[in-house]
Amino acid sequence: MKRSSIIAVLIWLALFAGLIALIDGALNPNKADVLGSGESVVLQRDPSGHYRAEAFINGVKARVLVDTGATGVAISQQLADQLGLQSRIAVRTHTANGETVAYMVRLDSVRLGGIEARDVSAAIVPGLGGDALLGMSFLSRMDIRLYRGTMTIKPATD
């Protein structure tokens, strides 16, 4: 292969990698390294209108959907297996997708940026798409503000 052909291929690969990084940044604006470790977290709404982020559940990085309309934290069976969580306490739940069975657990910690809550009630939901949904069992401990496409979360003060 000629040297000019190799350079052209490398340039195209670099442009493609840059495009992928740009698209990923637009679709997933709330990566753990961007959220930092401050006393508050500012999430950007994604193109679908949702607040998605990377959080740490029991120290393991997970993709979460922040949902103020959800009663509790819900985690997928795959994430529960990764965390070594098991439960024999089955409960029937009512979700936007209908009725299902979930299994109650307690999480040692849930951390979003620099904000952490300990001993958080959660449910393993076998049919859950994605890793986790952060609902009110985590968010009720926080002060939340929605404003122009951002969600600011900080620990609530009594």
N, C-alpha and C. Protein backbone atom coordinates (compact mmCIF):
# COMPACT_ATOMS: atom_id res chain seq x y z
N MET A 1 0.85 -1.18 0.00
CA MET A 1 0.00 0.00 0.00
C MET A 1 0.89 1.24 0.00
N LYS A 2 0.52 2.21 -0.78
CA LYS A 2 1.30 3.44 -0.86
C LYS A 2 1.14 4.25 0.42
N ARG A 3 2.16 5.03 0.67
CA ARG A 3 2.15 5.87 1.87
C ARG A 3 0.98 6.86 1.85
N SER A 4 0.66 7.42 0.71
CA SER A 4 -0.45 8.38 0.60
C SER A 4 -1.79 7.70 0.87
N SER A 5 -1.91 6.43 0.48
CA SER A 5 -3.14 5.69 0.75
C SER A 5 -3.29 5.41 2.24
N ILE A 6 -2.19 5.08 2.89
CA ILE A 6 -2.23 4.84 4.35
C ILE A 6 -2.61 6.12 5.08
N ILE A 7 -2.05 7.24 4.68
CA ILE A 7 -2.37 8.52 5.32
C ILE A 7 -3.84 8.86 5.11
N ALA A 8 -4.36 8.63 3.91
CA ALA A 8 -5.77 8.91 3.63
C ALA A 8 -6.68 8.04 4.50
N VAL A 9 -6.33 6.75 4.65
CA VAL A 9 -7.12 5.85 5.48
C VAL A 9 -7.09 6.33 6.94
N LEU A 10 -5.92 6.71 7.42
CA LEU A 10 -5.79 7.20 8.81
C LEU A 10 -6.60 8.48 9.03
N ILE A 11 -6.60 9.36 8.06
CA ILE A 11 -7.39 10.59 8.17
C ILE A 11 -8.87 10.26 8.24
N TRP A 12 -9.34 9.37 7.37
CA TRP A 12 -10.75 8.97 7.38
C TRP A 12 -11.14 8.30 8.70
N LEU A 13 -10.24 7.45 9.22
CA LEU A 13 -10.51 6.80 10.51
C LEU A 13 -10.59 7.83 11.64
N ALA A 14 -9.71 8.81 11.62
CA ALA A 14 -9.72 9.86 12.64
C ALA A 14 -11.01 10.69 12.55
N LEU A 15 -11.43 11.01 11.34
CA LEU A 15 -12.68 11.76 11.16
C LEU A 15 -13.88 10.96 11.63
N PHE A 16 -13.89 9.66 11.32
CA PHE A 16 -14.98 8.79 11.76
C PHE A 16 -15.01 8.70 13.28
N ALA A 17 -13.86 8.52 13.92
CA ALA A 17 -13.79 8.46 15.39
C ALA A 17 -14.27 9.77 16.00
N GLY A 18 -13.91 10.89 15.41
CA GLY A 18 -14.37 12.19 15.90
C GLY A 18 -15.88 12.33 15.78
N LEU A 19 -16.44 11.87 14.67
CA LEU A 19 -17.89 11.92 14.48
C LEU A 19 -18.60 11.05 15.51
N ILE A 20 -18.08 9.86 15.76
CA ILE A 20 -18.67 8.96 16.76
C ILE A 20 -18.63 9.63 18.14
N ALA A 21 -17.50 10.23 18.49
CA ALA A 21 -17.38 10.91 19.79
C ALA A 21 -18.37 12.08 19.89
N LEU A 22 -18.55 12.82 18.82
CA LEU A 22 -19.49 13.95 18.81
C LEU A 22 -20.92 13.46 18.99
N ILE A 23 -21.31 12.42 18.29
CA ILE A 23 -22.66 11.86 18.41
C ILE A 23 -22.89 11.30 19.81
N ASP A 24 -21.90 10.57 20.35
CA ASP A 24 -22.03 10.01 21.69
C ASP A 24 -22.19 11.12 22.73
N GLY A 25 -21.45 12.20 22.56
CA GLY A 25 -21.57 13.33 23.50
C GLY A 25 -22.95 13.98 23.45
N ALA A 26 -23.55 14.03 22.26
CA ALA A 26 -24.89 14.61 22.14
C ALA A 26 -25.96 13.69 22.71
N LEU A 27 -25.81 12.38 22.48
CA LEU A 27 -26.80 11.42 22.96
C LEU A 27 -26.65 11.09 24.44
N ASN A 28 -25.44 11.18 24.96
CA ASN A 28 -25.14 10.85 26.36
C ASN A 28 -24.35 11.98 27.01
N PRO A 29 -25.01 13.11 27.27
CA PRO A 29 -24.27 14.28 27.78
C PRO A 29 -23.85 14.20 29.24
N ASN A 30 -24.34 13.23 29.99
CA ASN A 30 -24.12 13.20 31.44
C ASN A 30 -23.24 12.02 31.86
N LYS A 31 -22.05 11.94 31.29
CA LYS A 31 -21.11 10.88 31.64
C LYS A 31 -20.54 11.15 33.04
N ALA A 32 -20.14 10.09 33.72
CA ALA A 32 -19.65 10.20 35.10
C ALA A 32 -18.48 11.18 35.21
N ASP A 33 -17.56 11.15 34.25
CA ASP A 33 -16.40 12.02 34.33
C ASP A 33 -16.76 13.49 34.13
N VAL A 34 -17.86 13.78 33.46
CA VAL A 34 -18.32 15.15 33.24
C VAL A 34 -19.07 15.68 34.47
N LEU A 35 -19.77 14.79 35.19
CA LEU A 35 -20.58 15.21 36.33
C LEU A 35 -19.73 15.69 37.50
N GLY A 36 -18.51 15.22 37.60
CA GLY A 36 -17.60 15.68 38.64
C GLY A 36 -17.96 15.15 40.01
N SER A 37 -17.45 15.85 41.03
CA SER A 37 -17.64 15.40 42.41
C SER A 37 -18.11 16.53 43.31
N GLY A 38 -18.74 17.53 42.74
CA GLY A 38 -19.21 18.68 43.52
C GLY A 38 -20.43 18.37 44.36
N GLU A 39 -20.89 19.37 45.10
CA GLU A 39 -22.03 19.21 46.00
C GLU A 39 -23.37 19.27 45.29
N SER A 40 -23.35 19.55 43.99
CA SER A 40 -24.57 19.48 43.20
C SER A 40 -24.22 18.91 41.83
N VAL A 41 -25.22 18.39 41.15
CA VAL A 41 -25.06 17.80 39.83
C VAL A 41 -26.03 18.51 38.89
N VAL A 42 -25.55 18.89 37.73
CA VAL A 42 -26.41 19.49 36.71
C VAL A 42 -26.45 18.54 35.53
N LEU A 43 -27.64 18.00 35.27
CA LEU A 43 -27.84 17.07 34.16
C LEU A 43 -28.43 17.82 32.98
N GLN A 44 -27.96 17.48 31.79
CA GLN A 44 -28.50 18.03 30.55
C GLN A 44 -29.53 17.05 30.01
N ARG A 45 -30.63 17.56 29.52
CA ARG A 45 -31.65 16.71 28.91
C ARG A 45 -31.10 16.15 27.60
N ASP A 46 -31.36 14.88 27.33
CA ASP A 46 -30.87 14.29 26.09
C ASP A 46 -31.84 14.62 24.94
N PRO A 47 -31.49 14.29 23.71
CA PRO A 47 -32.36 14.63 22.58
C PRO A 47 -33.78 14.07 22.68
N SER A 48 -33.97 12.97 23.42
CA SER A 48 -35.32 12.41 23.55
C SER A 48 -36.13 13.10 24.65
N GLY A 49 -35.51 14.06 25.35
CA GLY A 49 -36.21 14.79 26.40
C GLY A 49 -36.06 14.19 27.79
N HIS A 50 -35.24 13.16 27.93
CA HIS A 50 -35.04 12.49 29.21
C HIS A 50 -33.72 12.91 29.85
N TYR A 51 -33.64 12.65 31.15
CA TYR A 51 -32.39 12.90 31.88
C TYR A 51 -31.75 11.55 32.16
N ARG A 52 -30.73 11.24 31.39
CA ARG A 52 -29.98 10.00 31.55
C ARG A 52 -28.58 10.37 32.03
N ALA A 53 -27.99 9.48 32.81
CA ALA A 53 -26.65 9.76 33.33
C ALA A 53 -25.94 8.47 33.66
N GLU A 54 -24.66 8.61 33.97
CA GLU A 54 -23.90 7.50 34.52
C GLU A 54 -23.81 7.72 36.02
N ALA A 55 -24.20 6.71 36.77
CA ALA A 55 -24.15 6.77 38.23
C ALA A 55 -23.37 5.56 38.71
N PHE A 56 -23.12 5.51 40.01
CA PHE A 56 -22.46 4.36 40.61
C PHE A 56 -23.40 3.75 41.64
N ILE A 57 -23.75 2.50 41.43
CA ILE A 57 -24.61 1.77 42.35
C ILE A 57 -23.74 0.71 43.02
N ASN A 58 -23.63 0.81 44.34
CA ASN A 58 -22.73 -0.06 45.10
C ASN A 58 -21.33 -0.07 44.48
N GLY A 59 -20.90 1.10 43.98
CA GLY A 59 -19.56 1.25 43.42
C GLY A 59 -19.40 0.84 41.98
N VAL A 60 -20.45 0.34 41.35
CA VAL A 60 -20.38 -0.12 39.96
C VAL A 60 -21.06 0.90 39.05
N LYS A 61 -20.37 1.30 37.98
CA LYS A 61 -20.93 2.28 37.05
C LYS A 61 -22.14 1.69 36.34
N ALA A 62 -23.21 2.48 36.29
CA ALA A 62 -24.44 2.04 35.64
C ALA A 62 -25.06 3.20 34.89
N ARG A 63 -25.73 2.89 33.80
CA ARG A 63 -26.50 3.91 33.07
C ARG A 63 -27.86 4.00 33.73
N VAL A 64 -28.26 5.23 34.07
CA VAL A 64 -29.53 5.41 34.77
C VAL A 64 -30.41 6.42 34.04
N LEU A 65 -31.70 6.24 34.19
CA LEU A 65 -32.69 7.21 33.76
C LEU A 65 -33.23 7.85 35.02
N VAL A 66 -33.10 9.16 35.14
CA VAL A 66 -33.59 9.87 36.32
C VAL A 66 -35.07 10.16 36.09
N ASP A 67 -35.92 9.61 36.98
CA ASP A 67 -37.37 9.67 36.77
C ASP A 67 -38.07 10.11 38.05
N THR A 68 -38.45 11.38 38.10
CA THR A 68 -39.14 11.92 39.29
C THR A 68 -40.54 11.34 39.44
N GLY A 69 -41.05 10.68 38.42
CA GLY A 69 -42.38 10.09 38.50
C GLY A 69 -42.37 8.64 38.97
N ALA A 70 -41.19 8.09 39.19
CA ALA A 70 -41.08 6.70 39.64
C ALA A 70 -40.99 6.66 41.16
N THR A 71 -41.66 5.71 41.75
CA THR A 71 -41.69 5.57 43.21
C THR A 71 -40.32 5.24 43.78
N GLY A 72 -39.61 4.35 43.13
CA GLY A 72 -38.35 3.91 43.70
C GLY A 72 -37.27 3.72 42.67
N VAL A 73 -36.15 3.21 43.13
CA VAL A 73 -35.05 2.85 42.24
C VAL A 73 -35.35 1.44 41.72
N ALA A 74 -35.21 1.26 40.44
CA ALA A 74 -35.40 -0.04 39.82
C ALA A 74 -34.12 -0.40 39.09
N ILE A 75 -33.67 -1.63 39.27
CA ILE A 75 -32.46 -2.07 38.57
C ILE A 75 -32.78 -3.32 37.76
N SER A 76 -32.05 -3.48 36.68
CA SER A 76 -32.27 -4.64 35.81
C SER A 76 -31.72 -5.90 36.47
N GLN A 77 -32.18 -7.04 36.00
CA GLN A 77 -31.66 -8.31 36.50
C GLN A 77 -30.18 -8.44 36.19
N GLN A 78 -29.77 -7.96 35.03
CA GLN A 78 -28.36 -8.03 34.64
C GLN A 78 -27.49 -7.24 35.62
N LEU A 79 -27.92 -6.03 35.99
CA LEU A 79 -27.15 -5.23 36.95
C LEU A 79 -27.18 -5.88 38.33
N ALA A 80 -28.32 -6.43 38.72
CA ALA A 80 -28.42 -7.11 40.02
C ALA A 80 -27.44 -8.28 40.07
N ASP A 81 -27.33 -9.03 38.99
CA ASP A 81 -26.39 -10.15 38.94
C ASP A 81 -24.95 -9.64 39.06
N GLN A 82 -24.67 -8.55 38.36
CA GLN A 82 -23.33 -7.96 38.41
C GLN A 82 -22.99 -7.50 39.83
N LEU A 83 -23.99 -7.00 40.56
CA LEU A 83 -23.79 -6.51 41.93
C LEU A 83 -23.87 -7.63 42.97
N GLY A 84 -24.27 -8.81 42.54
CA GLY A 84 -24.41 -9.93 43.47
C GLY A 84 -25.62 -9.81 44.36
N LEU A 85 -26.67 -9.13 43.88
CA LEU A 85 -27.89 -8.93 44.68
C LEU A 85 -28.91 -10.02 44.38
N GLN A 86 -29.54 -10.50 45.45
CA GLN A 86 -30.62 -11.48 45.31
C GLN A 86 -31.72 -11.10 46.29
N SER A 87 -32.92 -11.48 45.95
CA SER A 87 -34.04 -11.22 46.84
C SER A 87 -35.08 -12.31 46.68
N ARG A 88 -35.70 -12.65 47.77
CA ARG A 88 -36.81 -13.59 47.73
C ARG A 88 -38.12 -12.86 48.05
N ILE A 89 -38.05 -11.56 48.23
CA ILE A 89 -39.23 -10.77 48.56
C ILE A 89 -39.83 -10.24 47.25
N ALA A 90 -40.82 -10.94 46.75
CA ALA A 90 -41.46 -10.56 45.49
C ALA A 90 -42.64 -9.62 45.78
N VAL A 91 -42.78 -8.61 44.92
CA VAL A 91 -43.91 -7.69 45.02
C VAL A 91 -44.47 -7.47 43.61
N ARG A 92 -45.76 -7.26 43.56
CA ARG A 92 -46.39 -6.93 42.28
C ARG A 92 -46.35 -5.42 42.13
N THR A 93 -45.86 -4.96 40.99
CA THR A 93 -45.74 -3.52 40.76
C THR A 93 -46.55 -3.12 39.54
N HIS A 94 -46.95 -1.87 39.54
CA HIS A 94 -47.68 -1.28 38.42
C HIS A 94 -46.78 -0.23 37.78
N THR A 95 -46.43 -0.44 36.53
CA THR A 95 -45.55 0.48 35.82
C THR A 95 -46.27 1.05 34.61
N ALA A 96 -45.59 1.93 33.90
CA ALA A 96 -46.15 2.48 32.67
C ALA A 96 -46.35 1.38 31.63
N ASN A 97 -45.61 0.30 31.75
CA ASN A 97 -45.72 -0.82 30.82
C ASN A 97 -46.67 -1.90 31.31
N GLY A 98 -47.36 -1.66 32.42
CA GLY A 98 -48.30 -2.64 32.93
C GLY A 98 -47.85 -3.23 34.25
N GLU A 99 -48.48 -4.33 34.61
CA GLU A 99 -48.20 -5.00 35.89
C GLU A 99 -47.05 -5.99 35.72
N THR A 100 -46.17 -6.05 36.73
CA THR A 100 -45.04 -6.98 36.70
C THR A 100 -44.66 -7.38 38.12
N VAL A 101 -43.78 -8.34 38.24
CA VAL A 101 -43.26 -8.75 39.53
C VAL A 101 -41.84 -8.23 39.66
N ALA A 102 -41.53 -7.66 40.83
CA ALA A 102 -40.20 -7.15 41.12
C ALA A 102 -39.74 -7.76 42.45
N TYR A 103 -38.47 -7.63 42.73
CA TYR A 103 -37.89 -8.23 43.94
C TYR A 103 -37.16 -7.15 44.73
N MET A 104 -37.59 -6.95 45.98
CA MET A 104 -37.09 -5.86 46.81
C MET A 104 -35.67 -6.13 47.33
N VAL A 105 -34.83 -5.10 47.28
CA VAL A 105 -33.47 -5.16 47.81
C VAL A 105 -33.12 -3.81 48.44
N ARG A 106 -32.00 -3.76 49.14
CA ARG A 106 -31.45 -2.51 49.66
C ARG A 106 -30.09 -2.32 49.01
N LEU A 107 -29.84 -1.12 48.55
CA LEU A 107 -28.55 -0.79 47.95
C LEU A 107 -27.69 -0.09 48.98
N ASP A 108 -26.44 -0.49 49.08
CA ASP A 108 -25.54 0.17 50.02
C ASP A 108 -25.37 1.64 49.68
N SER A 109 -25.21 1.93 48.39
CA SER A 109 -25.02 3.33 48.00
C SER A 109 -25.44 3.56 46.55
N VAL A 110 -25.91 4.78 46.30
CA VAL A 110 -26.18 5.26 44.96
C VAL A 110 -25.50 6.62 44.88
N ARG A 111 -24.59 6.77 43.90
CA ARG A 111 -23.85 8.03 43.76
C ARG A 111 -24.01 8.57 42.35
N LEU A 112 -24.41 9.81 42.28
CA LEU A 112 -24.58 10.54 41.03
C LEU A 112 -23.69 11.76 41.13
N GLY A 113 -22.61 11.79 40.37
CA GLY A 113 -21.62 12.85 40.54
C GLY A 113 -21.07 12.80 41.95
N GLY A 114 -21.09 13.93 42.65
CA GLY A 114 -20.61 13.98 44.02
C GLY A 114 -21.69 13.74 45.06
N ILE A 115 -22.90 13.43 44.62
CA ILE A 115 -24.03 13.23 45.54
C ILE A 115 -24.18 11.74 45.81
N GLU A 116 -24.27 11.39 47.08
CA GLU A 116 -24.41 9.97 47.42
C GLU A 116 -25.51 9.78 48.46
N ALA A 117 -26.29 8.73 48.27
CA ALA A 117 -27.29 8.32 49.26
C ALA A 117 -26.96 6.89 49.65
N ARG A 118 -27.09 6.60 50.92
CA ARG A 118 -26.78 5.26 51.43
C ARG A 118 -28.07 4.56 51.84
N ASP A 119 -28.03 3.23 51.84
CA ASP A 119 -29.15 2.40 52.26
C ASP A 119 -30.43 2.79 51.51
N VAL A 120 -30.40 2.60 50.20
CA VAL A 120 -31.49 3.01 49.33
C VAL A 120 -32.35 1.79 48.97
N SER A 121 -33.64 1.92 49.16
CA SER A 121 -34.58 0.88 48.78
C SER A 121 -34.64 0.80 47.26
N ALA A 122 -34.65 -0.43 46.74
CA ALA A 122 -34.70 -0.62 45.29
C ALA A 122 -35.44 -1.90 44.97
N ALA A 123 -35.72 -2.08 43.71
CA ALA A 123 -36.38 -3.31 43.24
C ALA A 123 -35.63 -3.83 42.02
N ILE A 124 -35.43 -5.12 42.00
CA ILE A 124 -34.90 -5.78 40.81
C ILE A 124 -36.10 -6.06 39.90
N VAL A 125 -36.05 -5.51 38.70
CA VAL A 125 -37.15 -5.67 37.75
C VAL A 125 -36.61 -6.44 36.55
N PRO A 126 -36.89 -7.74 36.48
CA PRO A 126 -36.29 -8.58 35.44
C PRO A 126 -36.47 -8.08 34.01
N GLY A 127 -37.57 -7.47 33.67
CA GLY A 127 -37.80 -7.03 32.30
C GLY A 127 -37.35 -5.61 32.00
N LEU A 128 -36.65 -4.99 32.93
CA LEU A 128 -36.25 -3.59 32.77
C LEU A 128 -35.21 -3.46 31.67
N GLY A 129 -35.46 -2.57 30.72
CA GLY A 129 -34.47 -2.28 29.70
C GLY A 129 -33.46 -1.28 30.26
N GLY A 130 -32.22 -1.41 29.91
CA GLY A 130 -31.18 -0.54 30.46
C GLY A 130 -30.73 -1.06 31.81
N ASP A 131 -29.90 -0.26 32.49
CA ASP A 131 -29.34 -0.69 33.77
C ASP A 131 -30.25 -0.37 34.95
N ALA A 132 -30.67 0.91 35.06
CA ALA A 132 -31.42 1.31 36.26
C ALA A 132 -32.26 2.56 36.00
N LEU A 133 -33.24 2.71 36.86
CA LEU A 133 -34.11 3.88 36.87
C LEU A 133 -33.99 4.49 38.27
N LEU A 134 -33.61 5.75 38.35
CA LEU A 134 -33.49 6.42 39.65
C LEU A 134 -34.80 7.12 39.95
N GLY A 135 -35.55 6.57 40.88
CA GLY A 135 -36.83 7.13 41.28
C GLY A 135 -36.74 7.78 42.64
N MET A 136 -37.90 7.93 43.27
CA MET A 136 -38.01 8.73 44.48
C MET A 136 -37.35 8.13 45.72
N SER A 137 -37.08 6.84 45.78
CA SER A 137 -36.38 6.31 46.96
C SER A 137 -34.97 6.90 47.04
N PHE A 138 -34.44 7.38 45.93
CA PHE A 138 -33.19 8.14 45.91
C PHE A 138 -33.47 9.63 45.86
N LEU A 139 -34.32 10.06 44.94
CA LEU A 139 -34.55 11.48 44.69
C LEU A 139 -35.25 12.22 45.83
N SER A 140 -36.02 11.51 46.67
CA SER A 140 -36.72 12.19 47.77
C SER A 140 -35.75 12.75 48.80
N ARG A 141 -34.51 12.31 48.74
CA ARG A 141 -33.48 12.83 49.65
C ARG A 141 -32.78 14.05 49.07
N MET A 142 -33.22 14.47 47.90
CA MET A 142 -32.55 15.53 47.16
C MET A 142 -33.44 16.74 46.96
N ASP A 143 -32.79 17.86 46.65
CA ASP A 143 -33.46 19.08 46.24
C ASP A 143 -33.27 19.14 44.72
N ILE A 144 -34.37 19.15 43.97
CA ILE A 144 -34.31 19.05 42.51
C ILE A 144 -34.92 20.28 41.89
N ARG A 145 -34.23 20.80 40.86
CA ARG A 145 -34.76 21.95 40.13
C ARG A 145 -34.65 21.68 38.63
N LEU A 146 -35.75 21.84 37.94
CA LEU A 146 -35.78 21.72 36.48
C LEU A 146 -35.88 23.11 35.89
N TYR A 147 -34.99 23.42 34.95
CA TYR A 147 -35.01 24.75 34.34
C TYR A 147 -34.34 24.70 32.98
N ARG A 148 -35.11 24.99 31.94
CA ARG A 148 -34.60 25.13 30.57
C ARG A 148 -33.69 23.99 30.13
N GLY A 149 -34.16 22.78 30.27
CA GLY A 149 -33.42 21.63 29.76
C GLY A 149 -32.33 21.12 30.68
N THR A 150 -32.28 21.63 31.91
CA THR A 150 -31.31 21.11 32.87
C THR A 150 -32.04 20.67 34.14
N MET A 151 -31.47 19.69 34.80
CA MET A 151 -31.97 19.24 36.09
C MET A 151 -30.81 19.40 37.08
N THR A 152 -31.01 20.24 38.08
CA THR A 152 -29.99 20.43 39.11
C THR A 152 -30.41 19.65 40.34
N ILE A 153 -29.50 18.80 40.82
CA ILE A 153 -29.78 17.94 41.98
C ILE A 153 -28.73 18.20 43.04
N LYS A 154 -29.19 18.42 44.25
CA LYS A 154 -28.26 18.55 45.38
C LYS A 154 -28.91 17.94 46.61
N PRO A 155 -28.12 17.52 47.59
CA PRO A 155 -28.71 16.94 48.78
C PRO A 155 -29.66 17.92 49.46
N ALA A 156 -30.78 17.42 49.94
CA ALA A 156 -31.74 18.27 50.64
C ALA A 156 -31.19 18.62 52.02
N THR A 157 -31.44 19.84 52.42
CA THR A 157 -31.07 20.26 53.76
C THR A 157 -32.33 20.42 54.58
N ASP A 158 -32.27 19.97 55.81
CA ASP A 158 -33.45 20.03 56.67
C ASP A 158 -33.58 21.36 57.34
